[in-house]
Amino acid sequence: MEATFVAKPSELKAQLLEKIESLFADSDAPVTITIKQAEVTPSPDQRTIYLVMEAIRKRTEVVPVSLPPGMDINDIIDEVNDVDQ
């Protein structure tokens, strides 16, 4: 059995150990407890978020296409799909 607990250091109380003990009470096997501190990554500032969003918007922007008069769009589709006429 495996259990993961995430808690702030101020929340490490006797109740946590009691909970661990109750979860593993059915076994006489030793229990390994590893404690590590999560890495805190700084959140990006508003300008960085804006610049990333603008870059995505520009990459995904739909550019309107106008066909010359008399051109059949099916001919373009056939050409792209390599269809012989």
Protein backbone atom coordinates (compact mmCIF):
# COMPACT_ATOMS: atom_id res chain seq x y z
CA MET A 1 0.00 0.00 0.00
CA GLU A 2 1.12 3.52 -0.69
CA ALA A 3 -0.22 6.86 0.50
CA THR A 4 0.87 10.41 -0.26
CA PHE A 5 0.22 13.32 2.06
CA VAL A 6 0.85 16.94 1.15
CA ALA A 7 0.94 19.32 4.09
CA LYS A 8 2.47 22.58 5.18
CA PRO A 9 5.12 22.27 7.89
CA SER A 10 2.73 23.91 10.35
CA GLU A 11 0.22 21.12 9.67
CA LEU A 12 2.59 18.31 10.70
CA LYS A 13 0.87 17.30 13.89
CA ALA A 14 0.38 14.07 15.83
CA GLN A 15 -2.90 13.49 13.94
CA LEU A 16 -0.90 12.91 10.76
CA LEU A 17 1.13 10.16 12.38
CA GLU A 18 -2.06 8.66 13.80
CA LYS A 19 -3.58 8.63 10.30
CA ILE A 20 -0.49 6.93 8.87
CA GLU A 21 -0.58 4.38 11.66
CA SER A 22 -4.26 3.61 11.04
CA LEU A 23 -3.72 3.20 7.28
CA PHE A 24 -0.89 0.70 7.72
CA ALA A 25 -2.17 -1.04 10.88
CA ASP A 26 -3.00 -4.29 9.03
CA SER A 27 0.65 -5.08 8.30
CA ASP A 28 3.68 -5.76 10.46
CA ALA A 29 6.02 -4.69 7.64
CA PRO A 30 8.09 -1.57 8.27
CA VAL A 31 6.87 1.72 6.81
CA THR A 32 9.24 4.14 5.09
CA ILE A 33 8.42 7.83 5.44
CA THR A 34 10.16 10.26 3.11
CA ILE A 35 9.71 13.99 3.57
CA LYS A 36 10.71 16.46 0.88
CA GLN A 37 10.00 20.10 0.40
CA ALA A 38 8.24 21.03 -2.82
CA GLU A 39 10.02 23.45 -5.10
CA VAL A 40 8.20 26.73 -5.38
CA THR A 41 8.32 28.16 -8.88
CA PRO A 42 7.64 31.85 -9.17
CA SER A 43 4.52 32.71 -11.11
CA PRO A 44 5.10 34.73 -14.28
CA ASP A 45 4.23 38.40 -14.27
CA GLN A 46 1.28 39.78 -16.24
CA ARG A 47 3.44 41.09 -19.08
CA THR A 48 5.04 37.68 -19.67
CA ILE A 49 1.63 36.03 -19.75
CA TYR A 50 0.39 38.65 -22.21
CA LEU A 51 3.39 38.18 -24.52
CA VAL A 52 2.97 34.40 -24.55
CA MET A 53 -0.75 34.75 -25.30
CA GLU A 54 -0.04 37.21 -28.13
CA ALA A 55 2.51 34.83 -29.66
CA ILE A 56 -0.05 32.01 -29.58
CA ARG A 57 -2.72 34.27 -31.07
CA LYS A 58 -0.45 35.29 -33.93
CA ARG A 59 0.47 31.67 -34.70
CA THR A 60 -3.16 30.59 -34.77
CA GLU A 61 -4.59 33.65 -36.48
CA VAL A 62 -6.85 32.85 -39.42
CA VAL A 63 -5.90 34.83 -42.50
CA PRO A 64 -8.83 35.47 -44.86
CA VAL A 65 -8.29 34.14 -48.36
CA SER A 66 -9.98 35.67 -51.37
CA LEU A 67 -10.28 33.79 -54.64
CA PRO A 68 -10.12 35.54 -57.96
CA PRO A 69 -13.43 35.73 -59.81
CA GLY A 70 -14.21 32.57 -61.78
CA MET A 71 -11.85 30.30 -59.83
CA ASP A 72 -13.47 27.10 -58.62
CA ILE A 73 -12.46 26.15 -55.08
CA ASN A 74 -12.90 22.47 -55.95
CA ASP A 75 -9.99 22.79 -58.41
CA ILE A 76 -7.78 24.03 -55.56
CA ILE A 77 -8.91 21.17 -53.32
CA ASP A 78 -8.20 18.62 -56.07
CA GLU A 79 -4.75 20.14 -56.62
CA VAL A 80 -3.91 19.99 -52.92
CA ASN A 81 -5.16 16.40 -52.66
CA ASP A 82 -3.27 15.47 -55.87
CA VAL A 83 -6.40 14.31 -57.68
CA ASP A 84 -6.19 13.75 -61.44
CA GLN A 85 -9.04 15.20 -63.42
